Amino acid sequence: MGSTHNSSFQSTLQSVYEYVNRSLSFIEAKNGSLVVFNTALLLGLLQTSQSSWFFCYLTYCFLFILSCTLLIISLLLALWSFMPKKTSKEKKKKNTSSESNKEDKNDLLQSIYSTEGLSNLGNEAFISFLQKTQPDYEITDADEALITCTMHTARVSSRKYNLFRYALYFTCAGVLFSFLSLALYIFN
């Protein structure tokens, strides 16, 4: 047990942990950027709405309200991703036997380097994958703590990414409708 401290098990675990932490930092930066962008766009739209030409026609008014609504929804989703989730439900996957061992290993390898895949994997499946890198390695308490931390961070990162993705859809729709409103005004 003492001689295997610099094992491939620990190096794989450490690299997955570092990847998950970098992913979390990246998605939080993207969410922050989206909050700033949506706020600036909403303030710009509200400033534009104060000029008299914007509400001359019902079409412009409808598109303006639709744009603002979509951007507000996007802003709320992006802000929601910063809220901590109080409960953590671990998803468990069934471990299949060695029928398609090579396919499973490739799927697991792709899963551990994807926060969404890792969050769907479950602690036991992650540990069994790591143990395949060095079957005779005994897991220490520190390893188990790092595994738990990695899995929790992966679930948080996956949740934040999903909220960011939906917020981005609403932002794109809001920008599209605001440009459509402006184009209708210019070419009318």
N, C-alpha and C. Protein backbone atom coordinates (compact mmCIF):
# COMPACT_ATOMS: atom_id res chain seq x y z
N MET A 1 0.82 -1.19 0.00
CA MET A 1 0.00 0.00 0.00
C MET A 1 0.86 1.25 0.00
N GLY A 2 1.91 1.31 0.81
CA GLY A 2 2.73 2.50 0.92
C GLY A 2 3.58 2.76 -0.30
N SER A 3 3.95 1.72 -1.06
CA SER A 3 4.85 1.90 -2.19
C SER A 3 4.16 2.35 -3.46
N THR A 4 2.85 2.31 -3.49
CA THR A 4 2.13 2.65 -4.71
C THR A 4 1.52 4.04 -4.68
N HIS A 5 2.07 4.95 -3.87
CA HIS A 5 1.46 6.28 -3.75
C HIS A 5 1.56 7.10 -5.03
N ASN A 6 2.59 6.92 -5.84
CA ASN A 6 2.69 7.66 -7.11
C ASN A 6 2.22 6.76 -8.23
N SER A 7 0.99 6.32 -8.17
CA SER A 7 0.46 5.34 -9.10
C SER A 7 -0.26 6.00 -10.27
N SER A 8 -0.54 5.17 -11.26
CA SER A 8 -1.33 5.66 -12.39
C SER A 8 -2.76 5.95 -11.95
N PHE A 9 -3.23 5.23 -10.93
CA PHE A 9 -4.55 5.50 -10.36
C PHE A 9 -4.62 6.94 -9.87
N GLN A 10 -3.65 7.33 -9.06
CA GLN A 10 -3.65 8.68 -8.51
C GLN A 10 -3.40 9.73 -9.58
N SER A 11 -2.54 9.44 -10.55
CA SER A 11 -2.30 10.45 -11.59
C SER A 11 -3.52 10.64 -12.47
N THR A 12 -4.24 9.56 -12.77
CA THR A 12 -5.48 9.68 -13.53
C THR A 12 -6.52 10.45 -12.73
N LEU A 13 -6.65 10.11 -11.46
CA LEU A 13 -7.60 10.81 -10.60
C LEU A 13 -7.25 12.29 -10.50
N GLN A 14 -5.99 12.60 -10.35
CA GLN A 14 -5.57 14.00 -10.24
C GLN A 14 -5.83 14.74 -11.55
N SER A 15 -5.58 14.11 -12.69
CA SER A 15 -5.81 14.80 -13.97
C SER A 15 -7.29 15.03 -14.21
N VAL A 16 -8.14 14.09 -13.82
CA VAL A 16 -9.59 14.28 -13.96
C VAL A 16 -10.05 15.40 -13.03
N TYR A 17 -9.54 15.42 -11.81
CA TYR A 17 -9.90 16.47 -10.86
C TYR A 17 -9.51 17.85 -11.40
N GLU A 18 -8.31 17.96 -11.93
CA GLU A 18 -7.86 19.25 -12.49
C GLU A 18 -8.71 19.66 -13.68
N TYR A 19 -9.06 18.70 -14.54
CA TYR A 19 -9.91 18.98 -15.70
C TYR A 19 -11.28 19.50 -15.26
N VAL A 20 -11.87 18.85 -14.27
CA VAL A 20 -13.20 19.24 -13.80
C VAL A 20 -13.15 20.64 -13.19
N ASN A 21 -12.11 20.94 -12.43
CA ASN A 21 -11.98 22.28 -11.84
C ASN A 21 -11.80 23.35 -12.90
N ARG A 22 -11.00 23.06 -13.93
CA ARG A 22 -10.83 24.03 -15.03
C ARG A 22 -12.14 24.22 -15.78
N SER A 23 -12.88 23.15 -15.97
CA SER A 23 -14.18 23.25 -16.65
C SER A 23 -15.15 24.11 -15.85
N LEU A 24 -15.15 23.94 -14.55
CA LEU A 24 -16.04 24.73 -13.70
C LEU A 24 -15.66 26.21 -13.77
N SER A 25 -14.38 26.51 -13.72
CA SER A 25 -13.94 27.91 -13.82
C SER A 25 -14.34 28.50 -15.16
N PHE A 26 -14.18 27.73 -16.22
CA PHE A 26 -14.51 28.20 -17.56
C PHE A 26 -16.00 28.48 -17.71
N ILE A 27 -16.85 27.58 -17.23
CA ILE A 27 -18.29 27.78 -17.38
C ILE A 27 -18.76 28.94 -16.51
N GLU A 28 -18.15 29.14 -15.35
CA GLU A 28 -18.53 30.29 -14.53
C GLU A 28 -18.13 31.59 -15.21
N ALA A 29 -16.98 31.61 -15.88
CA ALA A 29 -16.58 32.81 -16.62
C ALA A 29 -17.53 33.07 -17.78
N LYS A 30 -17.95 32.01 -18.47
CA LYS A 30 -18.90 32.18 -19.58
C LYS A 30 -20.24 32.68 -19.07
N ASN A 31 -20.70 32.15 -17.95
CA ASN A 31 -21.97 32.62 -17.38
C ASN A 31 -21.86 34.08 -16.96
N GLY A 32 -20.76 34.46 -16.37
CA GLY A 32 -20.57 35.86 -15.98
C GLY A 32 -20.57 36.77 -17.19
N SER A 33 -19.93 36.34 -18.27
CA SER A 33 -19.92 37.13 -19.50
C SER A 33 -21.32 37.27 -20.08
N LEU A 34 -22.08 36.20 -20.02
CA LEU A 34 -23.45 36.24 -20.52
C LEU A 34 -24.33 37.19 -19.69
N VAL A 35 -24.12 37.21 -18.39
CA VAL A 35 -24.87 38.14 -17.53
C VAL A 35 -24.54 39.58 -17.92
N VAL A 36 -23.26 39.88 -18.10
CA VAL A 36 -22.85 41.23 -18.48
C VAL A 36 -23.40 41.60 -19.85
N PHE A 37 -23.31 40.69 -20.81
CA PHE A 37 -23.80 40.95 -22.17
C PHE A 37 -25.31 41.20 -22.16
N ASN A 38 -26.06 40.34 -21.47
CA ASN A 38 -27.51 40.50 -21.43
C ASN A 38 -27.92 41.80 -20.74
N THR A 39 -27.23 42.13 -19.67
CA THR A 39 -27.54 43.38 -18.97
C THR A 39 -27.27 44.58 -19.86
N ALA A 40 -26.14 44.58 -20.55
CA ALA A 40 -25.81 45.69 -21.45
C ALA A 40 -26.82 45.78 -22.59
N LEU A 41 -27.19 44.64 -23.15
CA LEU A 41 -28.16 44.63 -24.24
C LEU A 41 -29.53 45.11 -23.78
N LEU A 42 -29.96 44.68 -22.60
CA LEU A 42 -31.24 45.13 -22.07
C LEU A 42 -31.23 46.64 -21.81
N LEU A 43 -30.15 47.12 -21.24
CA LEU A 43 -30.05 48.57 -20.99
C LEU A 43 -30.05 49.35 -22.30
N GLY A 44 -29.37 48.82 -23.31
CA GLY A 44 -29.37 49.45 -24.63
C GLY A 44 -30.76 49.46 -25.25
N LEU A 45 -31.47 48.35 -25.13
CA LEU A 45 -32.83 48.30 -25.67
C LEU A 45 -33.76 49.25 -24.93
N LEU A 46 -33.62 49.31 -23.63
CA LEU A 46 -34.47 50.22 -22.86
C LEU A 46 -34.15 51.67 -23.18
N GLN A 47 -32.89 51.97 -23.42
CA GLN A 47 -32.51 53.33 -23.81
C GLN A 47 -33.09 53.67 -25.18
N THR A 48 -33.06 52.71 -26.09
CA THR A 48 -33.61 52.90 -27.43
C THR A 48 -35.12 53.10 -27.37
N SER A 49 -35.77 52.40 -26.45
CA SER A 49 -37.23 52.49 -26.38
C SER A 49 -37.70 53.86 -25.93
N GLN A 50 -36.81 54.64 -25.35
CA GLN A 50 -37.21 55.97 -24.90
C GLN A 50 -37.35 56.95 -26.06
N SER A 51 -36.75 56.62 -27.20
CA SER A 51 -36.95 57.51 -28.35
C SER A 51 -38.33 57.23 -28.94
N SER A 52 -38.91 58.22 -29.53
CA SER A 52 -40.32 58.14 -29.95
C SER A 52 -40.54 57.24 -31.15
N TRP A 53 -39.54 57.03 -32.00
CA TRP A 53 -39.76 56.24 -33.21
C TRP A 53 -40.02 54.78 -32.92
N PHE A 54 -39.52 54.28 -31.81
CA PHE A 54 -39.56 52.84 -31.57
C PHE A 54 -40.98 52.33 -31.38
N PHE A 55 -41.82 53.09 -30.72
CA PHE A 55 -43.17 52.62 -30.44
C PHE A 55 -44.21 53.18 -31.41
N CYS A 56 -43.77 53.67 -32.56
CA CYS A 56 -44.72 54.19 -33.54
C CYS A 56 -45.61 53.11 -34.11
N TYR A 57 -45.09 51.93 -34.20
CA TYR A 57 -45.84 50.85 -34.82
C TYR A 57 -45.97 49.68 -33.85
N LEU A 58 -47.08 48.99 -33.94
CA LEU A 58 -47.36 47.86 -33.06
C LEU A 58 -46.34 46.74 -33.26
N THR A 59 -45.90 46.51 -34.48
CA THR A 59 -44.94 45.45 -34.77
C THR A 59 -43.65 45.68 -33.99
N TYR A 60 -43.15 46.90 -33.98
CA TYR A 60 -41.92 47.22 -33.26
C TYR A 60 -42.11 47.00 -31.77
N CYS A 61 -43.25 47.40 -31.28
CA CYS A 61 -43.55 47.25 -29.86
C CYS A 61 -43.56 45.77 -29.48
N PHE A 62 -44.23 44.95 -30.28
CA PHE A 62 -44.29 43.52 -30.01
C PHE A 62 -42.90 42.90 -30.03
N LEU A 63 -42.11 43.21 -31.06
CA LEU A 63 -40.76 42.64 -31.16
C LEU A 63 -39.86 43.13 -30.02
N PHE A 64 -40.04 44.37 -29.62
CA PHE A 64 -39.26 44.91 -28.51
C PHE A 64 -39.58 44.16 -27.21
N ILE A 65 -40.86 43.99 -26.94
CA ILE A 65 -41.26 43.29 -25.72
C ILE A 65 -40.80 41.83 -25.76
N LEU A 66 -40.91 41.19 -26.91
CA LEU A 66 -40.44 39.81 -27.06
C LEU A 66 -38.93 39.73 -26.83
N SER A 67 -38.17 40.64 -27.40
CA SER A 67 -36.72 40.66 -27.21
C SER A 67 -36.36 40.83 -25.74
N CYS A 68 -36.98 41.79 -25.11
CA CYS A 68 -36.69 42.04 -23.69
C CYS A 68 -37.06 40.84 -22.83
N THR A 69 -38.18 40.22 -23.12
CA THR A 69 -38.61 39.04 -22.35
C THR A 69 -37.61 37.91 -22.49
N LEU A 70 -37.18 37.63 -23.72
CA LEU A 70 -36.22 36.56 -23.95
C LEU A 70 -34.88 36.86 -23.27
N LEU A 71 -34.44 38.10 -23.33
CA LEU A 71 -33.19 38.47 -22.68
C LEU A 71 -33.29 38.40 -21.16
N ILE A 72 -34.43 38.76 -20.62
CA ILE A 72 -34.63 38.66 -19.17
C ILE A 72 -34.63 37.19 -18.73
N ILE A 73 -35.28 36.33 -19.50
CA ILE A 73 -35.27 34.90 -19.18
C ILE A 73 -33.83 34.38 -19.22
N SER A 74 -33.09 34.77 -20.24
CA SER A 74 -31.70 34.35 -20.35
C SER A 74 -30.88 34.85 -19.16
N LEU A 75 -31.09 36.09 -18.79
CA LEU A 75 -30.38 36.67 -17.66
C LEU A 75 -30.70 35.91 -16.37
N LEU A 76 -31.96 35.58 -16.18
CA LEU A 76 -32.35 34.85 -14.98
C LEU A 76 -31.75 33.44 -14.95
N LEU A 77 -31.71 32.77 -16.11
CA LEU A 77 -31.09 31.44 -16.18
C LEU A 77 -29.60 31.52 -15.87
N ALA A 78 -28.92 32.51 -16.43
CA ALA A 78 -27.49 32.66 -16.17
C ALA A 78 -27.23 32.98 -14.71
N LEU A 79 -28.09 33.81 -14.12
CA LEU A 79 -27.93 34.13 -12.69
C LEU A 79 -28.26 32.91 -11.82
N TRP A 80 -29.25 32.14 -12.25
CA TRP A 80 -29.64 30.95 -11.51
C TRP A 80 -28.48 29.95 -11.43
N SER A 81 -27.65 29.92 -12.47
CA SER A 81 -26.53 28.98 -12.46
C SER A 81 -25.52 29.31 -11.37
N PHE A 82 -25.53 30.54 -10.87
CA PHE A 82 -24.61 30.91 -9.79
C PHE A 82 -25.15 30.52 -8.42
N MET A 83 -26.43 30.17 -8.35
CA MET A 83 -27.03 29.78 -7.08
C MET A 83 -26.57 28.36 -6.72
N PRO A 84 -26.15 28.14 -5.48
CA PRO A 84 -25.73 26.79 -5.10
C PRO A 84 -26.93 25.87 -5.00
N LYS A 85 -26.73 24.65 -5.40
CA LYS A 85 -27.78 23.65 -5.29
C LYS A 85 -27.63 22.97 -3.94
N LYS A 86 -28.69 22.95 -3.17
CA LYS A 86 -28.63 22.45 -1.79
C LYS A 86 -28.48 20.95 -1.69
N THR A 87 -29.11 20.20 -2.59
CA THR A 87 -29.03 18.74 -2.51
C THR A 87 -28.19 18.22 -3.66
N SER A 88 -27.60 17.08 -3.42
CA SER A 88 -26.77 16.45 -4.44
C SER A 88 -27.26 15.02 -4.62
N LYS A 89 -27.87 14.76 -5.74
CA LYS A 89 -28.34 13.42 -6.02
C LYS A 89 -27.33 12.74 -6.93
N GLU A 90 -26.79 11.64 -6.45
CA GLU A 90 -25.82 10.90 -7.24
C GLU A 90 -26.58 9.97 -8.17
N LYS A 91 -26.27 10.08 -9.44
CA LYS A 91 -26.88 9.18 -10.40
C LYS A 91 -26.05 7.92 -10.47
N LYS A 92 -26.71 6.80 -10.46
CA LYS A 92 -25.99 5.53 -10.51
C LYS A 92 -26.24 4.87 -11.85
N LYS A 93 -25.17 4.37 -12.40
CA LYS A 93 -25.27 3.62 -13.65
C LYS A 93 -24.98 2.16 -13.35
N LYS A 94 -25.62 1.30 -14.10
CA LYS A 94 -25.37 -0.12 -13.93
C LYS A 94 -24.03 -0.46 -14.55
N ASN A 95 -23.28 -1.28 -13.87
CA ASN A 95 -22.02 -1.77 -14.42
C ASN A 95 -22.31 -3.02 -15.22
N THR A 96 -21.95 -3.02 -16.50
CA THR A 96 -22.17 -4.20 -17.33
C THR A 96 -20.94 -5.08 -17.26
N SER A 97 -21.13 -6.35 -17.53
CA SER A 97 -20.00 -7.27 -17.49
C SER A 97 -19.15 -7.12 -18.74
N SER A 98 -18.24 -8.03 -18.92
CA SER A 98 -17.18 -7.86 -19.92
C SER A 98 -17.60 -8.18 -21.36
N GLU A 99 -18.88 -8.16 -21.71
CA GLU A 99 -19.32 -8.42 -23.08
C GLU A 99 -18.67 -7.42 -24.04
N SER A 100 -18.84 -6.17 -23.75
CA SER A 100 -18.29 -5.14 -24.62
C SER A 100 -17.30 -4.30 -23.81
N ASN A 101 -16.29 -4.98 -23.25
CA ASN A 101 -15.34 -4.35 -22.34
C ASN A 101 -14.57 -3.23 -23.01
N LYS A 102 -14.17 -3.44 -24.26
CA LYS A 102 -13.39 -2.41 -24.96
C LYS A 102 -14.25 -1.18 -25.22
N GLU A 103 -15.50 -1.39 -25.66
CA GLU A 103 -16.41 -0.27 -25.89
C GLU A 103 -16.70 0.47 -24.60
N ASP A 104 -16.93 -0.28 -23.52
CA ASP A 104 -17.20 0.34 -22.22
C ASP A 104 -16.02 1.17 -21.77
N LYS A 105 -14.82 0.65 -21.98
CA LYS A 105 -13.63 1.39 -21.55
C LYS A 105 -13.50 2.70 -22.33
N ASN A 106 -13.76 2.67 -23.63
CA ASN A 106 -13.72 3.90 -24.43
C ASN A 106 -14.82 4.87 -24.02
N ASP A 107 -16.02 4.34 -23.76
CA ASP A 107 -17.12 5.20 -23.30
C ASP A 107 -16.78 5.82 -21.95
N LEU A 108 -16.23 5.02 -21.05
CA LEU A 108 -15.86 5.54 -19.75
C LEU A 108 -14.75 6.57 -19.86
N LEU A 109 -13.79 6.32 -20.74
CA LEU A 109 -12.69 7.27 -20.92
C LEU A 109 -13.23 8.60 -21.42
N GLN A 110 -14.19 8.56 -22.35
CA GLN A 110 -14.81 9.80 -22.82
C GLN A 110 -15.65 10.43 -21.72
N SER A 111 -16.28 9.62 -20.90
CA SER A 111 -17.13 10.15 -19.84
C SER A 111 -16.34 10.88 -18.77
N ILE A 112 -15.17 10.37 -18.42
CA ILE A 112 -14.45 11.01 -17.33
C ILE A 112 -13.82 12.33 -17.74
N TYR A 113 -13.67 12.55 -19.03
CA TYR A 113 -13.15 13.83 -19.48
C TYR A 113 -14.26 14.68 -20.09
N SER A 114 -15.45 14.50 -19.59
CA SER A 114 -16.62 15.33 -19.91
C SER A 114 -17.38 15.49 -18.60
N THR A 115 -17.59 16.74 -18.19
CA THR A 115 -18.23 16.94 -16.89
C THR A 115 -19.64 16.36 -16.86
N GLU A 116 -20.35 16.43 -17.98
CA GLU A 116 -21.70 15.87 -18.00
C GLU A 116 -21.64 14.34 -17.92
N GLY A 117 -20.72 13.76 -18.67
CA GLY A 117 -20.56 12.31 -18.62
C GLY A 117 -20.12 11.83 -17.25
N LEU A 118 -19.20 12.55 -16.66
CA LEU A 118 -18.70 12.19 -15.33
C LEU A 118 -19.80 12.34 -14.28
N SER A 119 -20.61 13.38 -14.41
CA SER A 119 -21.68 13.58 -13.43
C SER A 119 -22.74 12.49 -13.54
N ASN A 120 -22.90 11.90 -14.71
CA ASN A 120 -23.86 10.81 -14.90
C ASN A 120 -23.28 9.45 -14.53
N LEU A 121 -21.97 9.40 -14.33
CA LEU A 121 -21.29 8.13 -14.14
C LEU A 121 -21.54 7.52 -12.76
N GLY A 122 -21.49 8.30 -11.71
CA GLY A 122 -21.64 7.75 -10.37
C GLY A 122 -20.28 7.39 -9.78
N ASN A 123 -20.17 7.48 -8.47
CA ASN A 123 -18.90 7.25 -7.79
C ASN A 123 -18.34 5.85 -8.01
N GLU A 124 -19.19 4.83 -7.90
CA GLU A 124 -18.71 3.45 -8.01
C GLU A 124 -18.17 3.14 -9.41
N ALA A 125 -18.86 3.60 -10.45
CA ALA A 125 -18.38 3.36 -11.81
C ALA A 125 -17.07 4.11 -12.06
N PHE A 126 -16.95 5.30 -11.50
CA PHE A 126 -15.72 6.07 -11.64
C PHE A 126 -14.56 5.36 -10.93
N ILE A 127 -14.82 4.87 -9.72
CA ILE A 127 -13.78 4.13 -8.98
C ILE A 127 -13.39 2.87 -9.73
N SER A 128 -14.36 2.15 -10.28
CA SER A 128 -14.02 0.91 -11.00
C SER A 128 -13.20 1.21 -12.25
N PHE A 129 -13.49 2.34 -12.91
CA PHE A 129 -12.67 2.71 -14.07
C PHE A 129 -11.25 3.02 -13.62
N LEU A 130 -11.12 3.78 -12.54
CA LEU A 130 -9.79 4.14 -12.05
C LEU A 130 -9.01 2.91 -11.60
N GLN A 131 -9.70 1.95 -11.03
CA GLN A 131 -9.02 0.74 -10.58
C GLN A 131 -8.52 -0.10 -11.74
N LYS A 132 -9.09 0.07 -12.92
CA LYS A 132 -8.60 -0.66 -14.09
C LYS A 132 -7.22 -0.15 -14.51
N THR A 133 -6.89 1.09 -14.13
CA THR A 133 -5.57 1.62 -14.48
C THR A 133 -4.48 0.97 -13.64
N GLN A 134 -4.84 0.53 -12.43
CA GLN A 134 -3.89 -0.16 -11.55
C GLN A 134 -4.69 -1.05 -10.61
N PRO A 135 -4.96 -2.28 -11.02
CA PRO A 135 -5.87 -3.16 -10.27
C PRO A 135 -5.45 -3.45 -8.83
N ASP A 136 -4.17 -3.48 -8.55
CA ASP A 136 -3.73 -3.85 -7.21
C ASP A 136 -3.63 -2.66 -6.25
N TYR A 137 -4.06 -1.49 -6.67
CA TYR A 137 -3.94 -0.29 -5.85
C TYR A 137 -5.05 -0.26 -4.79
N GLU A 138 -4.67 0.05 -3.57
CA GLU A 138 -5.64 0.21 -2.49
C GLU A 138 -6.03 1.67 -2.38
N ILE A 139 -7.31 1.94 -2.40
CA ILE A 139 -7.81 3.31 -2.34
C ILE A 139 -7.69 3.81 -0.90
N THR A 140 -7.07 4.97 -0.75
CA THR A 140 -6.92 5.57 0.58
C THR A 140 -8.10 6.49 0.86
N ASP A 141 -8.17 6.95 2.10
CA ASP A 141 -9.22 7.90 2.46
C ASP A 141 -9.06 9.21 1.69
N ALA A 142 -7.83 9.61 1.46
CA ALA A 142 -7.59 10.83 0.68
C ALA A 142 -8.07 10.66 -0.75
N ASP A 143 -7.87 9.46 -1.32
CA ASP A 143 -8.35 9.19 -2.68
C ASP A 143 -9.88 9.26 -2.73
N GLU A 144 -10.52 8.65 -1.74
CA GLU A 144 -11.98 8.68 -1.71
C GLU A 144 -12.51 10.10 -1.56
N ALA A 145 -11.83 10.91 -0.75
CA ALA A 145 -12.25 12.31 -0.60
C ALA A 145 -12.09 13.06 -1.91
N LEU A 146 -11.00 12.81 -2.62
CA LEU A 146 -10.78 13.47 -3.91
C LEU A 146 -11.79 13.00 -4.95
N ILE A 147 -12.14 11.73 -4.91
CA ILE A 147 -13.15 11.20 -5.83
C ILE A 147 -14.50 11.86 -5.56
N THR A 148 -14.88 11.95 -4.29
CA THR A 148 -16.15 12.59 -3.93
C THR A 148 -16.16 14.05 -4.36
N CYS A 149 -15.07 14.73 -4.11
CA CYS A 149 -14.97 16.14 -4.50
C CYS A 149 -15.04 16.30 -6.02
N THR A 150 -14.35 15.42 -6.74
CA THR A 150 -14.36 15.46 -8.21
C THR A 150 -15.77 15.24 -8.74
N MET A 151 -16.46 14.25 -8.20
CA MET A 151 -17.81 13.94 -8.68
C MET A 151 -18.78 15.08 -8.35
N HIS A 152 -18.64 15.66 -7.18
CA HIS A 152 -19.52 16.78 -6.81
C HIS A 152 -19.26 17.98 -7.73
N THR A 153 -18.00 18.27 -7.96
CA THR A 153 -17.65 19.40 -8.83
C THR A 153 -18.13 19.14 -10.26
N ALA A 154 -18.06 17.90 -10.72
CA ALA A 154 -18.54 17.57 -12.06
C ALA A 154 -20.05 17.78 -12.16
N ARG A 155 -20.79 17.42 -11.10
CA ARG A 155 -22.24 17.62 -11.12
C ARG A 155 -22.58 19.12 -11.13
N VAL A 156 -21.85 19.90 -10.35
CA VAL A 156 -22.08 21.35 -10.31
C VAL A 156 -21.77 21.96 -11.68
N SER A 157 -20.65 21.56 -12.25
CA SER A 157 -20.24 22.08 -13.55
C SER A 157 -21.23 21.70 -14.64
N SER A 158 -21.72 20.48 -14.61
CA SER A 158 -22.69 20.03 -15.60
C SER A 158 -23.99 20.83 -15.50
N ARG A 159 -24.45 21.07 -14.28
CA ARG A 159 -25.66 21.87 -14.07
C ARG A 159 -25.48 23.28 -14.59
N LYS A 160 -24.36 23.89 -14.28
CA LYS A 160 -24.08 25.26 -14.73
C LYS A 160 -24.00 25.31 -16.26
N TYR A 161 -23.38 24.31 -16.87
CA TYR A 161 -23.28 24.30 -18.32
C TYR A 161 -24.65 24.18 -18.97
N ASN A 162 -25.51 23.32 -18.43
CA ASN A 162 -26.85 23.17 -18.99
C ASN A 162 -27.65 24.47 -18.88
N LEU A 163 -27.56 25.14 -17.74
CA LEU A 163 -28.25 26.42 -17.60
C LEU A 163 -27.67 27.46 -18.56
N PHE A 164 -26.35 27.46 -18.73
CA PHE A 164 -25.72 28.39 -19.67
C PHE A 164 -26.21 28.13 -21.09
N ARG A 165 -26.31 26.87 -21.46
CA ARG A 165 -26.76 26.53 -22.81
C ARG A 165 -28.16 27.07 -23.08
N TYR A 166 -29.08 26.87 -22.14
CA TYR A 166 -30.44 27.39 -22.31
C TYR A 166 -30.46 28.92 -22.32
N ALA A 167 -29.66 29.52 -21.45
CA ALA A 167 -29.59 30.99 -21.41
C ALA A 167 -29.06 31.52 -22.73
N LEU A 168 -28.11 30.83 -23.31
CA LEU A 168 -27.56 31.26 -24.59
C LEU A 168 -28.60 31.18 -25.71
N TYR A 169 -29.44 30.15 -25.68
CA TYR A 169 -30.53 30.06 -26.67
C TYR A 169 -31.46 31.26 -26.56
N PHE A 170 -31.84 31.62 -25.34
CA PHE A 170 -32.72 32.76 -25.14
C PHE A 170 -32.03 34.07 -25.55
N THR A 171 -30.74 34.19 -25.28
CA THR A 171 -30.01 35.39 -25.68
C THR A 171 -29.99 35.52 -27.20
N CYS A 172 -29.69 34.43 -27.88
CA CYS A 172 -29.67 34.47 -29.36
C CYS A 172 -31.03 34.86 -29.92
N ALA A 173 -32.09 34.29 -29.35
CA ALA A 173 -33.44 34.63 -29.82
C ALA A 173 -33.74 36.09 -29.53
N GLY A 174 -33.36 36.58 -28.36
CA GLY A 174 -33.60 37.99 -28.01
C GLY A 174 -32.85 38.94 -28.93
N VAL A 175 -31.61 38.61 -29.23
CA VAL A 175 -30.81 39.44 -30.14
C VAL A 175 -31.42 39.41 -31.54
N LEU A 176 -31.84 38.23 -31.98
CA LEU A 176 -32.44 38.10 -33.31
C LEU A 176 -33.70 38.97 -33.43
N PHE A 177 -34.56 38.91 -32.42
CA PHE A 177 -35.78 39.71 -32.49
C PHE A 177 -35.51 41.20 -32.38
N SER A 178 -34.50 41.58 -31.61
CA SER A 178 -34.19 43.01 -31.54
C SER A 178 -33.62 43.51 -32.86
N PHE A 179 -32.79 42.71 -33.53
CA PHE A 179 -32.29 43.09 -34.85
C PHE A 179 -33.40 43.10 -35.89
N LEU A 180 -34.32 42.15 -35.78
CA LEU A 180 -35.46 42.11 -36.70
C LEU A 180 -36.31 43.36 -36.55
N SER A 181 -36.52 43.79 -35.33
CA SER A 181 -37.27 45.02 -35.08
C SER A 181 -36.58 46.21 -35.69
N LEU A 182 -35.28 46.30 -35.51
CA LEU A 182 -34.51 47.41 -36.07
C LEU A 182 -34.51 47.38 -37.60
N ALA A 183 -34.39 46.18 -38.17
CA ALA A 183 -34.42 46.05 -39.62
C ALA A 183 -35.78 46.46 -40.20
N LEU A 184 -36.84 46.07 -39.53
CA LEU A 184 -38.18 46.47 -39.98
C LEU A 184 -38.34 47.98 -39.95
N TYR A 185 -37.78 48.60 -38.95
CA TYR A 185 -37.89 50.05 -38.86
C TYR A 185 -37.08 50.73 -39.98
N ILE A 186 -35.88 50.25 -40.21
CA ILE A 186 -35.00 50.86 -41.22
C ILE A 186 -35.56 50.70 -42.62
N PHE A 187 -36.05 49.51 -42.94
CA PHE A 187 -36.53 49.26 -44.30
C PHE A 187 -37.99 49.59 -44.50
N ASN A 188 -38.64 50.15 -43.55
CA ASN A 188 -40.04 50.52 -43.67
C ASN A 188 -40.19 51.95 -44.12
